[in-house]
Amino acid sequence: MHCIARGLSGSAVTFWTAWDGDALLGCGALKSLGADHGEIKSMRTARAHLRKGVPQAVLTVLLNEAERRGYARINLETGSSPAFLPAHALYARNGFARCGPFGDYLPNAFSVFMSKALPVRPAW
């Protein structure tokens, strides 16, 4: 499994990996798009660990971190082919809805854009 890509480097991106002993289960990243907005990047599951709840566990970590950072909104871009239908379902189960392109993305036939409003924590 190869998760590192050009878009995952830099100080605005935090990268997590999930492990079971020496076995890499999956990974995901969170990119800051500003003080109150973030993007979920590059969630992947190792082939040997498909259908074991890894994506939900990684997504939960990313959403908890987004809330901890005080983000009001979290967005993501994923593929549009049938292979991505399980990812679409995962995101929908977690409160994401389709939206238009965000950030530097442009509309295209290969991408699905999704967004979720996060609870706003009082600043006390």
PDB file of N, CA and C in Angstrom:
ATOM      1  N   MET A   1       0.854  -1.168   0.000  1.00  0.00           N
ATOM      2  CA  MET A   1       0.000   0.000   0.000  1.00  0.00           C
ATOM      3  C   MET A   1       0.896   1.225   0.000  1.00  0.00           C
ATOM      4  N   HIS A   2       0.614   2.167  -0.885  1.00  0.00           N
ATOM      5  CA  HIS A   2       1.408   3.383  -0.989  1.00  0.00           C
ATOM      6  C   HIS A   2       0.477   4.570  -0.782  1.00  0.00           C
ATOM      7  N   CYS A   3       0.698   5.345   0.272  1.00  0.00           N
ATOM      8  CA  CYS A   3      -0.211   6.437   0.614  1.00  0.00           C
ATOM      9  C   CYS A   3       0.394   7.817   0.411  1.00  0.00           C
ATOM     10  N   ILE A   4       1.678   7.909   0.263  1.00  0.00           N
ATOM     11  CA  ILE A   4       2.308   9.216   0.175  1.00  0.00           C
ATOM     12  C   ILE A   4       2.167   9.755  -1.243  1.00  0.00           C
ATOM     13  N   ALA A   5       1.683  10.969  -1.341  1.00  0.00           N
ATOM     14  CA  ALA A   5       1.501  11.626  -2.637  1.00  0.00           C
ATOM     15  C   ALA A   5       1.929  13.081  -2.501  1.00  0.00           C
ATOM     16  N   ARG A   6       2.085  13.745  -3.632  1.00  0.00           N
ATOM     17  CA  ARG A   6       2.488  15.144  -3.608  1.00  0.00           C
ATOM     18  C   ARG A   6       1.601  15.989  -2.707  1.00  0.00           C
ATOM     19  N   GLY A   7       0.304  15.763  -2.733  1.00  0.00           N
ATOM     20  CA  GLY A   7      -0.629  16.565  -1.964  1.00  0.00           C
ATOM     21  C   GLY A   7      -0.628  16.283  -0.479  1.00  0.00           C
ATOM     22  N   LEU A   8       0.185  15.345  -0.027  1.00  0.00           N
ATOM     23  CA  LEU A   8       0.198  14.995   1.388  1.00  0.00           C
ATOM     24  C   LEU A   8       1.433  15.500   2.114  1.00  0.00           C
ATOM     25  N   SER A   9       2.186  16.352   1.488  1.00  0.00           N
ATOM     26  CA  SER A   9       3.353  16.909   2.162  1.00  0.00           C
ATOM     27  C   SER A   9       3.053  18.356   2.542  1.00  0.00           C
ATOM     28  N   GLY A  10       3.820  18.858   3.448  1.00  0.00           N
ATOM     29  CA  GLY A  10       3.659  20.241   3.866  1.00  0.00           C
ATOM     30  C   GLY A  10       3.074  20.353   5.258  1.00  0.00           C
ATOM     31  N   SER A  11       3.227  21.515   5.839  1.00  0.00           N
ATOM     32  CA  SER A  11       2.812  21.718   7.225  1.00  0.00           C
ATOM     33  C   SER A  11       1.299  21.751   7.407  1.00  0.00           C
ATOM     34  N   ALA A  12       0.524  21.918   6.348  1.00  0.00           N
ATOM     35  CA  ALA A  12      -0.937  21.964   6.471  1.00  0.00           C
ATOM     36  C   ALA A  12      -1.551  20.572   6.546  1.00  0.00           C
ATOM     37  N   VAL A  13      -0.755  19.519   6.352  1.00  0.00           N
ATOM     38  CA  VAL A  13      -1.272  18.149   6.308  1.00  0.00           C
ATOM     39  C   VAL A  13      -0.747  17.349   7.493  1.00  0.00           C
ATOM     40  N   THR A  14      -1.676  16.669   8.174  1.00  0.00           N
ATOM     41  CA  THR A  14      -1.319  15.730   9.236  1.00  0.00           C
ATOM     42  C   THR A  14      -1.728  14.348   8.750  1.00  0.00           C
ATOM     43  N   PHE A  15      -0.831  13.391   8.878  1.00  0.00           N
ATOM     44  CA  PHE A  15      -1.008  12.053   8.324  1.00  0.00           C
ATOM     45  C   PHE A  15      -1.044  11.031   9.455  1.00  0.00           C
ATOM     46  N   TRP A  16      -2.030  10.114   9.415  1.00  0.00           N
ATOM     47  CA  TRP A  16      -2.157   9.054  10.410  1.00  0.00           C
ATOM     48  C   TRP A  16      -2.055   7.696   9.735  1.00  0.00           C
ATOM     49  N   THR A  17      -1.518   6.731  10.466  1.00  0.00           N
ATOM     50  CA  THR A  17      -1.534   5.349  10.021  1.00  0.00           C
ATOM     51  C   THR A  17      -2.157   4.498  11.128  1.00  0.00           C
ATOM     52  N   ALA A  18      -2.833   3.436  10.737  1.00  0.00           N
ATOM     53  CA  ALA A  18      -3.429   2.491  11.679  1.00  0.00           C
ATOM     54  C   ALA A  18      -2.661   1.171  11.579  1.00  0.00           C
ATOM     55  N   TRP A  19      -2.285   0.647  12.719  1.00  0.00           N
ATOM     56  CA  TRP A  19      -1.450  -0.553  12.762  1.00  0.00           C
ATOM     57  C   TRP A  19      -2.064  -1.598  13.688  1.00  0.00           C
ATOM     58  N   ASP A  20      -1.768  -2.856  13.417  1.00  0.00           N
ATOM     59  CA  ASP A  20      -2.031  -3.967  14.316  1.00  0.00           C
ATOM     60  C   ASP A  20      -0.706  -4.702  14.417  1.00  0.00           C
ATOM     61  N   GLY A  21       0.030  -4.423  15.479  1.00  0.00           N
ATOM     62  CA  GLY A  21       1.391  -4.960  15.584  1.00  0.00           C
ATOM     63  C   GLY A  21       2.232  -4.390  14.466  1.00  0.00           C
ATOM     64  N   ASP A  22       2.804  -5.261  13.652  1.00  0.00           N
ATOM     65  CA  ASP A  22       3.640  -4.837  12.526  1.00  0.00           C
ATOM     66  C   ASP A  22       2.848  -4.674  11.230  1.00  0.00           C
ATOM     67  N   ALA A  23       1.544  -4.919  11.268  1.00  0.00           N
ATOM     68  CA  ALA A  23       0.725  -4.866  10.054  1.00  0.00           C
ATOM     69  C   ALA A  23       0.080  -3.483   9.889  1.00  0.00           C
ATOM     70  N   LEU A  24       0.373  -2.859   8.768  1.00  0.00           N
ATOM     71  CA  LEU A  24      -0.262  -1.592   8.433  1.00  0.00           C
ATOM     72  C   LEU A  24      -1.687  -1.882   7.966  1.00  0.00           C
ATOM     73  N   LEU A  25      -2.668  -1.297   8.653  1.00  0.00           N
ATOM     74  CA  LEU A  25      -4.071  -1.525   8.323  1.00  0.00           C
ATOM     75  C   LEU A  25      -4.594  -0.504   7.333  1.00  0.00           C
ATOM     76  N   GLY A  26      -4.189   0.744   7.517  1.00  0.00           N
ATOM     77  CA  GLY A  26      -4.683   1.801   6.651  1.00  0.00           C
ATOM     78  C   GLY A  26      -4.078   3.134   7.030  1.00  0.00           C
ATOM     79  N   CYS A  27      -4.537   4.171   6.327  1.00  0.00           N
ATOM     80  CA  CYS A  27      -4.015   5.503   6.577  1.00  0.00           C
ATOM     81  C   CYS A  27      -5.035   6.556   6.164  1.00  0.00           C
ATOM     82  N   GLY A  28      -4.800   7.754   6.610  1.00  0.00           N
ATOM     83  CA  GLY A  28      -5.630   8.884   6.233  1.00  0.00           C
ATOM     84  C   GLY A  28      -4.926  10.167   6.621  1.00  0.00           C
ATOM     85  N   ALA A  29      -5.359  11.255   6.022  1.00  0.00           N
ATOM     86  CA  ALA A  29      -4.725  12.539   6.305  1.00  0.00           C
ATOM     87  C   ALA A  29      -5.783  13.622   6.409  1.00  0.00           C
ATOM     88  N   LEU A  30      -5.435  14.663   7.133  1.00  0.00           N
ATOM     89  CA  LEU A  30      -6.291  15.829   7.314  1.00  0.00           C
ATOM     90  C   LEU A  30      -5.484  17.060   6.914  1.00  0.00           C
ATOM     91  N   LYS A  31      -6.044  17.836   6.005  1.00  0.00           N
ATOM     92  CA  LYS A  31      -5.372  19.042   5.530  1.00  0.00           C
ATOM     93  C   LYS A  31      -6.137  20.269   6.004  1.00  0.00           C
ATOM     94  N   SER A  32      -5.418  21.212   6.559  1.00  0.00           N
ATOM     95  CA  SER A  32      -6.030  22.479   6.962  1.00  0.00           C
ATOM     96  C   SER A  32      -6.241  23.347   5.731  1.00  0.00           C
ATOM     97  N   LEU A  33      -7.472  23.829   5.570  1.00  0.00           N
ATOM     98  CA  LEU A  33      -7.796  24.757   4.485  1.00  0.00           C
ATOM     99  C   LEU A  33      -8.030  26.156   5.031  1.00  0.00           C
ATOM    100  N   GLY A  34      -7.746  26.356   6.291  1.00  0.00           N
ATOM    101  CA  GLY A  34      -7.956  27.632   6.967  1.00  0.00           C
ATOM    102  C   GLY A  34      -8.263  27.365   8.421  1.00  0.00           C
ATOM    103  N   ALA A  35      -8.528  28.425   9.170  1.00  0.00           N
ATOM    104  CA  ALA A  35      -8.743  28.295  10.610  1.00  0.00           C
ATOM    105  C   ALA A  35      -9.974  27.454  10.958  1.00  0.00           C
ATOM    106  N   ASP A  36     -10.978  27.441  10.085  1.00  0.00           N
ATOM    107  CA  ASP A  36     -12.219  26.734  10.432  1.00  0.00           C
ATOM    108  C   ASP A  36     -12.656  25.719   9.382  1.00  0.00           C
ATOM    109  N   HIS A  37     -11.733  25.270   8.555  1.00  0.00           N
ATOM    110  CA  HIS A  37     -12.118  24.409   7.435  1.00  0.00           C
ATOM    111  C   HIS A  37     -10.986  23.422   7.151  1.00  0.00           C
ATOM    112  N   GLY A  38     -11.353  22.155   6.933  1.00  0.00           N
ATOM    113  CA  GLY A  38     -10.350  21.149   6.628  1.00  0.00           C
ATOM    114  C   GLY A  38     -10.800  20.221   5.524  1.00  0.00           C
ATOM    115  N   GLU A  39      -9.869  19.398   5.062  1.00  0.00           N
ATOM    116  CA  GLU A  39     -10.143  18.431   4.010  1.00  0.00           C
ATOM    117  C   GLU A  39      -9.580  17.072   4.399  1.00  0.00           C
ATOM    118  N   ILE A  40     -10.396  16.042   4.264  1.00  0.00           N
ATOM    119  CA  ILE A  40      -9.921  14.678   4.445  1.00  0.00           C
ATOM    120  C   ILE A  40      -9.202  14.280   3.167  1.00  0.00           C
ATOM    121  N   LYS A  41      -8.001  13.756   3.331  1.00  0.00           N
ATOM    122  CA  LYS A  41      -7.151  13.402   2.197  1.00  0.00           C
ATOM    123  C   LYS A  41      -6.790  11.922   2.246  1.00  0.00           C
ATOM    124  N   SER A  42      -6.743  11.295   1.125  1.00  0.00           N
ATOM    125  CA  SER A  42      -6.084  10.019   0.886  1.00  0.00           C
ATOM    126  C   SER A  42      -6.350   8.920   1.912  1.00  0.00           C
ATOM    127  N   MET A  43      -7.598   8.636   2.208  1.00  0.00           N
ATOM    128  CA  MET A  43      -7.885   7.481   3.063  1.00  0.00           C
ATOM    129  C   MET A  43      -7.674   6.208   2.251  1.00  0.00           C
ATOM    130  N   ARG A  44      -6.951   5.259   2.834  1.00  0.00           N
ATOM    131  CA  ARG A  44      -6.660   3.998   2.170  1.00  0.00           C
ATOM    132  C   ARG A  44      -6.724   2.874   3.195  1.00  0.00           C
ATOM    133  N   THR A  45      -7.085   1.684   2.728  1.00  0.00           N
ATOM    134  CA  THR A  45      -7.071   0.479   3.560  1.00  0.00           C
ATOM    135  C   THR A  45      -6.200  -0.550   2.861  1.00  0.00           C
ATOM    136  N   ALA A  46      -5.328  -1.201   3.618  1.00  0.00           N
ATOM    137  CA  ALA A  46      -4.512  -2.277   3.059  1.00  0.00           C
ATOM    138  C   ALA A  46      -5.432  -3.396   2.590  1.00  0.00           C
ATOM    139  N   ARG A  47      -5.147  -3.942   1.432  1.00  0.00           N
ATOM    140  CA  ARG A  47      -6.003  -4.975   0.823  1.00  0.00           C
ATOM    141  C   ARG A  47      -6.291  -6.131   1.790  1.00  0.00           C
ATOM    142  N   ALA A  48      -5.307  -6.538   2.556  1.00  0.00           N
ATOM    143  CA  ALA A  48      -5.485  -7.660   3.485  1.00  0.00           C
ATOM    144  C   ALA A  48      -6.442  -7.337   4.627  1.00  0.00           C
ATOM    145  N   HIS A  49      -6.810  -6.073   4.782  1.00  0.00           N
ATOM    146  CA  HIS A  49      -7.648  -5.668   5.912  1.00  0.00           C
ATOM    147  C   HIS A  49      -8.958  -5.023   5.480  1.00  0.00           C
ATOM    148  N   LEU A  50      -9.359  -5.280   4.233  1.00  0.00           N
ATOM    149  CA  LEU A  50     -10.642  -4.774   3.756  1.00  0.00           C
ATOM    150  C   LEU A  50     -11.782  -5.407   4.553  1.00  0.00           C
ATOM    151  N   ARG A  51     -12.861  -4.652   4.732  1.00  0.00           N
ATOM    152  CA  ARG A  51     -14.082  -5.102   5.402  1.00  0.00           C
ATOM    153  C   ARG A  51     -13.860  -5.487   6.864  1.00  0.00           C
ATOM    154  N   LYS A  52     -12.930  -4.792   7.507  1.00  0.00           N
ATOM    155  CA  LYS A  52     -12.654  -5.035   8.923  1.00  0.00           C
ATOM    156  C   LYS A  52     -12.883  -3.775   9.762  1.00  0.00           C
ATOM    157  N   GLY A  53     -13.490  -2.741   9.174  1.00  0.00           N
ATOM    158  CA  GLY A  53     -13.780  -1.532   9.932  1.00  0.00           C
ATOM    159  C   GLY A  53     -12.659  -0.510   9.961  1.00  0.00           C
ATOM    160  N   VAL A  54     -11.598  -0.749   9.216  1.00  0.00           N
ATOM    161  CA  VAL A  54     -10.457   0.176   9.211  1.00  0.00           C
ATOM    162  C   VAL A  54     -10.859   1.575   8.733  1.00  0.00           C
ATOM    163  N   PRO A  55     -11.584   1.704   7.614  1.00  0.00           N
ATOM    164  CA  PRO A  55     -11.932   3.058   7.164  1.00  0.00           C
ATOM    165  C   PRO A  55     -12.753   3.839   8.196  1.00  0.00           C
ATOM    166  N   GLN A  56     -13.683   3.178   8.864  1.00  0.00           N
ATOM    167  CA  GLN A  56     -14.476   3.871   9.883  1.00  0.00           C
ATOM    168  C   GLN A  56     -13.595   4.333  11.033  1.00  0.00           C
ATOM    169  N   ALA A  57     -12.672   3.474  11.453  1.00  0.00           N
ATOM    170  CA  ALA A  57     -11.775   3.842  12.550  1.00  0.00           C
ATOM    171  C   ALA A  57     -10.902   5.038  12.171  1.00  0.00           C
ATOM    172  N   VAL A  58     -10.345   5.025  10.969  1.00  0.00           N
ATOM    173  CA  VAL A  58      -9.490   6.139  10.525  1.00  0.00           C
ATOM    174  C   VAL A  58     -10.333   7.406  10.378  1.00  0.00           C
ATOM    175  N   LEU A  59     -11.508   7.287   9.778  1.00  0.00           N
ATOM    176  CA  LEU A  59     -12.374   8.457   9.605  1.00  0.00           C
ATOM    177  C   LEU A  59     -12.765   9.045  10.950  1.00  0.00           C
ATOM    178  N   THR A  60     -13.036   8.212  11.941  1.00  0.00           N
ATOM    179  CA  THR A  60     -13.385   8.704  13.279  1.00  0.00           C
ATOM    180  C   THR A  60     -12.244   9.522  13.870  1.00  0.00           C
ATOM    181  N   VAL A  61     -11.023   9.060  13.707  1.00  0.00           N
ATOM    182  CA  VAL A  61      -9.855   9.813  14.197  1.00  0.00           C
ATOM    183  C   VAL A  61      -9.780  11.168  13.493  1.00  0.00           C
ATOM    184  N   LEU A  62      -9.959  11.177  12.168  1.00  0.00           N
ATOM    185  CA  LEU A  62      -9.859  12.424  11.406  1.00  0.00           C
ATOM    186  C   LEU A  62     -10.971  13.398  11.797  1.00  0.00           C
ATOM    187  N   LEU A  63     -12.188  12.902  11.963  1.00  0.00           N
ATOM    188  CA  LEU A  63     -13.298  13.787  12.346  1.00  0.00           C
ATOM    189  C   LEU A  63     -13.115  14.321  13.763  1.00  0.00           C
ATOM    190  N   ASN A  64     -12.647  13.479  14.680  1.00  0.00           N
ATOM    191  CA  ASN A  64     -12.386  13.958  16.042  1.00  0.00           C
ATOM    192  C   ASN A  64     -11.314  15.039  16.048  1.00  0.00           C
ATOM    193  N   GLU A  65     -10.284  14.860  15.249  1.00  0.00           N
ATOM    194  CA  GLU A  65      -9.226  15.870  15.172  1.00  0.00           C
ATOM    195  C   GLU A  65      -9.749  17.157  14.552  1.00  0.00           C
ATOM    196  N   ALA A  66     -10.569  17.050  13.523  1.00  0.00           N
ATOM    197  CA  ALA A  66     -11.155  18.247  12.908  1.00  0.00           C
ATOM    198  C   ALA A  66     -11.986  19.021  13.926  1.00  0.00           C
ATOM    199  N   GLU A  67     -12.768  18.325  14.722  1.00  0.00           N
ATOM    200  CA  GLU A  67     -13.556  18.988  15.767  1.00  0.00           C
ATOM    201  C   GLU A  67     -12.641  19.605  16.815  1.00  0.00           C
ATOM    202  N   ARG A  68     -11.598  18.871  17.220  1.00  0.00           N
ATOM    203  CA  ARG A  68     -10.657  19.402  18.213  1.00  0.00           C
ATOM    204  C   ARG A  68     -10.008  20.693  17.718  1.00  0.00           C
ATOM    205  N   ARG A  69      -9.738  20.759  16.426  1.00  0.00           N
ATOM    206  CA  ARG A  69      -9.141  21.961  15.842  1.00  0.00           C
ATOM    207  C   ARG A  69     -10.140  23.103  15.706  1.00  0.00           C
ATOM    208  N   GLY A  70     -11.401  22.826  15.913  1.00  0.00           N
ATOM    209  CA  GLY A  70     -12.419  23.859  15.814  1.00  0.00           C
ATOM    210  C   GLY A  70     -12.931  24.107  14.411  1.00  0.00           C
ATOM    211  N   TYR A  71     -12.742  23.145  13.511  1.00  0.00           N
ATOM    212  CA  TYR A  71     -13.252  23.314  12.156  1.00  0.00           C
ATOM    213  C   TYR A  71     -14.783  23.334  12.175  1.00  0.00           C
ATOM    214  N   ALA A  72     -15.367  24.215  11.410  1.00  0.00           N
ATOM    215  CA  ALA A  72     -16.822  24.273  11.254  1.00  0.00           C
ATOM    216  C   ALA A  72     -17.269  23.364  10.109  1.00  0.00           C
ATOM    217  N   ARG A  73     -16.354  23.056   9.199  1.00  0.00           N
ATOM    218  CA  ARG A  73     -16.700  22.263   8.015  1.00  0.00           C
ATOM    219  C   ARG A  73     -15.508  21.397   7.629  1.00  0.00           C
ATOM    220  N   ILE A  74     -15.834  20.207   7.118  1.00  0.00           N
ATOM    221  CA  ILE A  74     -14.808  19.307   6.600  1.00  0.00           C
ATOM    222  C   ILE A  74     -15.274  18.833   5.224  1.00  0.00           C
ATOM    223  N   ASN A  75     -14.387  18.868   4.264  1.00  0.00           N
ATOM    224  CA  ASN A  75     -14.709  18.469   2.890  1.00  0.00           C
ATOM    225  C   ASN A  75     -13.817  17.310   2.478  1.00  0.00           C
ATOM    226  N   LEU A  76     -14.174  16.685   1.369  1.00  0.00           N
ATOM    227  CA  LEU A  76     -13.333  15.649   0.790  1.00  0.00           C
ATOM    228  C   LEU A  76     -13.631  15.531  -0.690  1.00  0.00           C
ATOM    229  N   GLU A  77     -12.669  14.971  -1.393  1.00  0.00           N
ATOM    230  CA  GLU A  77     -12.811  14.641  -2.816  1.00  0.00           C
ATOM    231  C   GLU A  77     -12.474  13.169  -2.930  1.00  0.00           C
ATOM    232  N   THR A  78     -13.325  12.425  -3.635  1.00  0.00           N
ATOM    233  CA  THR A  78     -13.075  11.007  -3.857  1.00  0.00           C
ATOM    234  C   THR A  78     -13.437  10.661  -5.289  1.00  0.00           C
ATOM    235  N   GLY A  79     -13.182   9.445  -5.682  1.00  0.00           N
ATOM    236  CA  GLY A  79     -13.438   9.034  -7.046  1.00  0.00           C
ATOM    237  C   GLY A  79     -14.915   8.840  -7.347  1.00  0.00           C
ATOM    238  N   SER A  80     -15.239   8.836  -8.626  1.00  0.00           N
ATOM    239  CA  SER A  80     -16.634   8.692  -9.054  1.00  0.00           C
ATOM    240  C   SER A  80     -16.943   7.321  -9.641  1.00  0.00           C
ATOM    241  N   SER A  81     -15.944   6.474  -9.848  1.00  0.00           N
ATOM    242  CA  SER A  81     -16.182   5.166 -10.468  1.00  0.00           C
ATOM    243  C   SER A  81     -16.868   4.232  -9.470  1.00  0.00           C
ATOM    244  N   PRO A  82     -17.449   3.142  -9.968  1.00  0.00           N
ATOM    245  CA  PRO A  82     -18.115   2.185  -9.074  1.00  0.00           C
ATOM    246  C   PRO A  82     -17.217   1.647  -7.954  1.00  0.00           C
ATOM    247  N   ALA A  83     -15.929   1.599  -8.165  1.00  0.00           N
ATOM    248  CA  ALA A  83     -15.018   1.121  -7.122  1.00  0.00           C
ATOM    249  C   ALA A  83     -15.076   1.987  -5.867  1.00  0.00           C
ATOM    250  N   PHE A  84     -15.542   3.230  -6.003  1.00  0.00           N
ATOM    251  CA  PHE A  84     -15.596   4.155  -4.872  1.00  0.00           C
ATOM    252  C   PHE A  84     -16.950   4.160  -4.172  1.00  0.00           C
ATOM    253  N   LEU A  85     -17.900   3.349  -4.617  1.00  0.00           N
ATOM    254  CA  LEU A  85     -19.220   3.326  -3.982  1.00  0.00           C
ATOM    255  C   LEU A  85     -19.162   2.989  -2.496  1.00  0.00           C
ATOM    256  N   PRO A  86     -18.318   2.047  -2.050  1.00  0.00           N
ATOM    257  CA  PRO A  86     -18.217   1.818  -0.606  1.00  0.00           C
ATOM    258  C   PRO A  86     -17.737   3.060   0.159  1.00  0.00           C
ATOM    259  N   ALA A  87     -16.831   3.824  -0.426  1.00  0.00           N
ATOM    260  CA  ALA A  87     -16.364   5.063   0.217  1.00  0.00           C
ATOM    261  C   ALA A  87     -17.498   6.076   0.288  1.00  0.00           C
ATOM    262  N   HIS A  88     -18.258   6.217  -0.788  1.00  0.00           N
ATOM    263  CA  HIS A  88     -19.401   7.140  -0.776  1.00  0.00           C
ATOM    264  C   HIS A  88     -20.362   6.765   0.345  1.00  0.00           C
ATOM    265  N   ALA A  89     -20.638   5.469   0.483  1.00  0.00           N
ATOM    266  CA  ALA A  89     -21.558   5.004   1.529  1.00  0.00           C
ATOM    267  C   ALA A  89     -20.994   5.284   2.922  1.00  0.00           C
ATOM    268  N   LEU A  90     -19.704   5.050   3.120  1.00  0.00           N
ATOM    269  CA  LEU A  90     -19.065   5.340   4.409  1.00  0.00           C
ATOM    270  C   LEU A  90     -19.226   6.807   4.760  1.00  0.00           C
ATOM    271  N   TYR A  91     -18.916   7.673   3.823  1.00  0.00           N
ATOM    272  CA  TYR A  91     -19.005   9.105   4.103  1.00  0.00           C
ATOM    273  C   TYR A  91     -20.447   9.527   4.354  1.00  0.00           C
ATOM    274  N   ALA A  92     -21.393   9.000   3.590  1.00  0.00           N
ATOM    275  CA  ALA A  92     -22.806   9.344   3.796  1.00  0.00           C
ATOM    276  C   ALA A  92     -23.271   8.883   5.180  1.00  0.00           C
ATOM    277  N   ARG A  93     -22.867   7.685   5.606  1.00  0.00           N
ATOM    278  CA  ARG A  93     -23.227   7.192   6.946  1.00  0.00           C
ATOM    279  C   ARG A  93     -22.685   8.101   8.039  1.00  0.00           C
ATOM    280  N   ASN A  94     -21.628   8.817   7.736  1.00  0.00           N
ATOM    281  CA  ASN A  94     -20.995   9.699   8.722  1.00  0.00           C
ATOM    282  C   ASN A  94     -21.400  11.157   8.550  1.00  0.00           C
ATOM    283  N   GLY A  95     -22.476  11.405   7.817  1.00  0.00           N
ATOM    284  CA  GLY A  95     -23.043  12.744   7.740  1.00  0.00           C
ATOM    285  C   GLY A  95     -22.556  13.617   6.607  1.00  0.00           C
ATOM    286  N   PHE A  96     -21.779  13.069   5.690  1.00  0.00           N
ATOM    287  CA  PHE A  96     -21.316  13.841   4.542  1.00  0.00           C
ATOM    288  C   PHE A  96     -22.396  13.857   3.465  1.00  0.00           C
ATOM    289  N   ALA A  97     -22.494  14.968   2.761  1.00  0.00           N
ATOM    290  CA  ALA A  97     -23.413  15.107   1.631  1.00  0.00           C
ATOM    291  C   ALA A  97     -22.620  15.637   0.440  1.00  0.00           C
ATOM    292  N   ARG A  98     -23.086  15.294  -0.745  1.00  0.00           N
ATOM    293  CA  ARG A  98     -22.413  15.789  -1.950  1.00  0.00           C
ATOM    294  C   ARG A  98     -22.484  17.311  -2.005  1.00  0.00           C
ATOM    295  N   CYS A  99     -21.442  17.884  -2.559  1.00  0.00           N
ATOM    296  CA  CYS A  99     -21.349  19.335  -2.717  1.00  0.00           C
ATOM    297  C   CYS A  99     -20.568  19.619  -3.995  1.00  0.00           C
ATOM    298  N   GLY A 100     -20.376  20.860  -4.287  1.00  0.00           N
ATOM    299  CA  GLY A 100     -19.576  21.244  -5.438  1.00  0.00           C
ATOM    300  C   GLY A 100     -18.103  21.247  -5.094  1.00  0.00           C
ATOM    301  N   PRO A 101     -17.255  21.484  -6.088  1.00  0.00           N
ATOM    302  CA  PRO A 101     -15.815  21.560  -5.850  1.00  0.00           C
ATOM    303  C   PRO A 101     -15.485  22.638  -4.820  1.00  0.00           C
ATOM    304  N   PHE A 102     -14.396  22.458  -4.128  1.00  0.00           N
ATOM    305  CA  PHE A 102     -13.936  23.399  -3.108  1.00  0.00           C
ATOM    306  C   PHE A 102     -12.440  23.601  -3.281  1.00  0.00           C
ATOM    307  N   GLY A 103     -11.909  24.599  -2.614  1.00  0.00           N
ATOM    308  CA  GLY A 103     -10.470  24.856  -2.702  1.00  0.00           C
ATOM    309  C   GLY A 103     -10.033  25.060  -4.141  1.00  0.00           C
ATOM    310  N   ASP A 104      -8.984  24.357  -4.536  1.00  0.00           N
ATOM    311  CA  ASP A 104      -8.432  24.466  -5.891  1.00  0.00           C
ATOM    312  C   ASP A 104      -9.031  23.460  -6.870  1.00  0.00           C
ATOM    313  N   TYR A 105      -9.989  22.658  -6.412  1.00  0.00           N
ATOM    314  CA  TYR A 105     -10.580  21.641  -7.295  1.00  0.00           C
ATOM    315  C   TYR A 105     -11.465  22.291  -8.348  1.00  0.00           C
ATOM    316  N   LEU A 106     -11.515  21.663  -9.504  1.00  0.00           N
ATOM    317  CA  LEU A 106     -12.403  22.076 -10.593  1.00  0.00           C
ATOM    318  C   LEU A 106     -13.397  20.955 -10.849  1.00  0.00           C
ATOM    319  N   PRO A 107     -14.592  21.276 -11.344  1.00  0.00           N
ATOM    320  CA  PRO A 107     -15.546  20.211 -11.665  1.00  0.00           C
ATOM    321  C   PRO A 107     -14.946  19.266 -12.699  1.00  0.00           C
ATOM    322  N   ASN A 108     -15.174  17.962 -12.501  1.00  0.00           N
ATOM    323  CA  ASN A 108     -14.713  16.969 -13.470  1.00  0.00           C
ATOM    324  C   ASN A 108     -15.514  15.690 -13.288  1.00  0.00           C
ATOM    325  N   ALA A 109     -15.492  14.839 -14.272  1.00  0.00           N
ATOM    326  CA  ALA A 109     -16.293  13.613 -14.261  1.00  0.00           C
ATOM    327  C   ALA A 109     -15.694  12.527 -13.377  1.00  0.00           C
ATOM    328  N   PHE A 110     -14.484  12.712 -12.899  1.00  0.00           N
ATOM    329  CA  PHE A 110     -13.794  11.672 -12.144  1.00  0.00           C
ATOM    330  C   PHE A 110     -13.856  11.874 -10.642  1.00  0.00           C
ATOM    331  N   SER A 111     -14.438  12.985 -10.180  1.00  0.00           N
ATOM    332  CA  SER A 111     -14.450  13.312  -8.762  1.00  0.00           C
ATOM    333  C   SER A 111     -15.861  13.456  -8.219  1.00  0.00           C
ATOM    334  N   VAL A 112     -16.006  13.054  -6.965  1.00  0.00           N
ATOM    335  CA  VAL A 112     -17.198  13.326  -6.173  1.00  0.00           C
ATOM    336  C   VAL A 112     -16.722  14.176  -5.001  1.00  0.00           C
ATOM    337  N   PHE A 113     -17.397  15.280  -4.758  1.00  0.00           N
ATOM    338  CA  PHE A 113     -17.057  16.181  -3.664  1.00  0.00           C
ATOM    339  C   PHE A 113     -18.124  16.048  -2.588  1.00  0.00           C
ATOM    340  N   MET A 114     -17.679  15.995  -1.335  1.00  0.00           N
ATOM    341  CA  MET A 114     -18.609  15.851  -0.218  1.00  0.00           C
ATOM    342  C   MET A 114     -18.191  16.798   0.901  1.00  0.00           C
ATOM    343  N   SER A 115     -19.179  17.152   1.742  1.00  0.00           N
ATOM    344  CA  SER A 115     -18.931  18.105   2.809  1.00  0.00           C
ATOM    345  C   SER A 115     -19.766  17.736   4.028  1.00  0.00           C
ATOM    346  N   LYS A 116     -19.281  18.138   5.180  1.00  0.00           N
ATOM    347  CA  LYS A 116     -19.999  17.909   6.438  1.00  0.00           C
ATOM    348  C   LYS A 116     -19.768  19.095   7.355  1.00  0.00           C
ATOM    349  N   ALA A 117     -20.865  19.628   7.903  1.00  0.00           N
ATOM    350  CA  ALA A 117     -20.762  20.669   8.934  1.00  0.00           C
ATOM    351  C   ALA A 117     -20.408  19.972  10.251  1.00  0.00           C
ATOM    352  N   LEU A 118     -19.523  20.567  11.006  1.00  0.00           N
ATOM    353  CA  LEU A 118     -19.108  20.019  12.291  1.00  0.00           C
ATOM    354  C   LEU A 118     -19.694  20.861  13.416  1.00  0.00           C
ATOM    355  N   PRO A 119     -19.890  20.244  14.580  1.00  0.00           N
ATOM    356  CA  PRO A 119     -20.428  21.019  15.707  1.00  0.00           C
ATOM    357  C   PRO A 119     -19.449  22.124  16.107  1.00  0.00           C
ATOM    358  N   VAL A 120     -19.968  23.270  16.351  1.00  0.00           N
ATOM    359  CA  VAL A 120     -19.145  24.410  16.772  1.00  0.00           C
ATOM    360  C   VAL A 120     -19.036  24.373  18.285  1.00  0.00           C
ATOM    361  N   ARG A 121     -17.816  24.355  18.763  1.00  0.00           N
ATOM    362  CA  ARG A 121     -17.580  24.345  20.217  1.00  0.00           C
ATOM    363  C   ARG A 121     -17.545  25.771  20.725  1.00  0.00           C
ATOM    364  N   PRO A 122     -18.148  25.996  21.893  1.00  0.00           N
ATOM    365  CA  PRO A 122     -18.093  27.355  22.453  1.00  0.00           C
ATOM    366  C   PRO A 122     -16.649  27.740  22.799  1.00  0.00           C
ATOM    367  N   ALA A 123     -16.322  28.984  22.559  1.00  0.00           N
ATOM    368  CA  ALA A 123     -14.954  29.479  22.829  1.00  0.00           C
ATOM    369  C   ALA A 123     -14.902  30.074  24.229  1.00  0.00           C
ATOM    370  N   TRP A 124     -14.941  29.251  25.246  1.00  0.00           N
ATOM    371  CA  TRP A 124     -14.852  29.735  26.621  1.00  0.00           C
ATOM    372  C   TRP A 124     -13.668  29.244  27.258  1.00  0.00           C
TER     373      TRP A 124
END
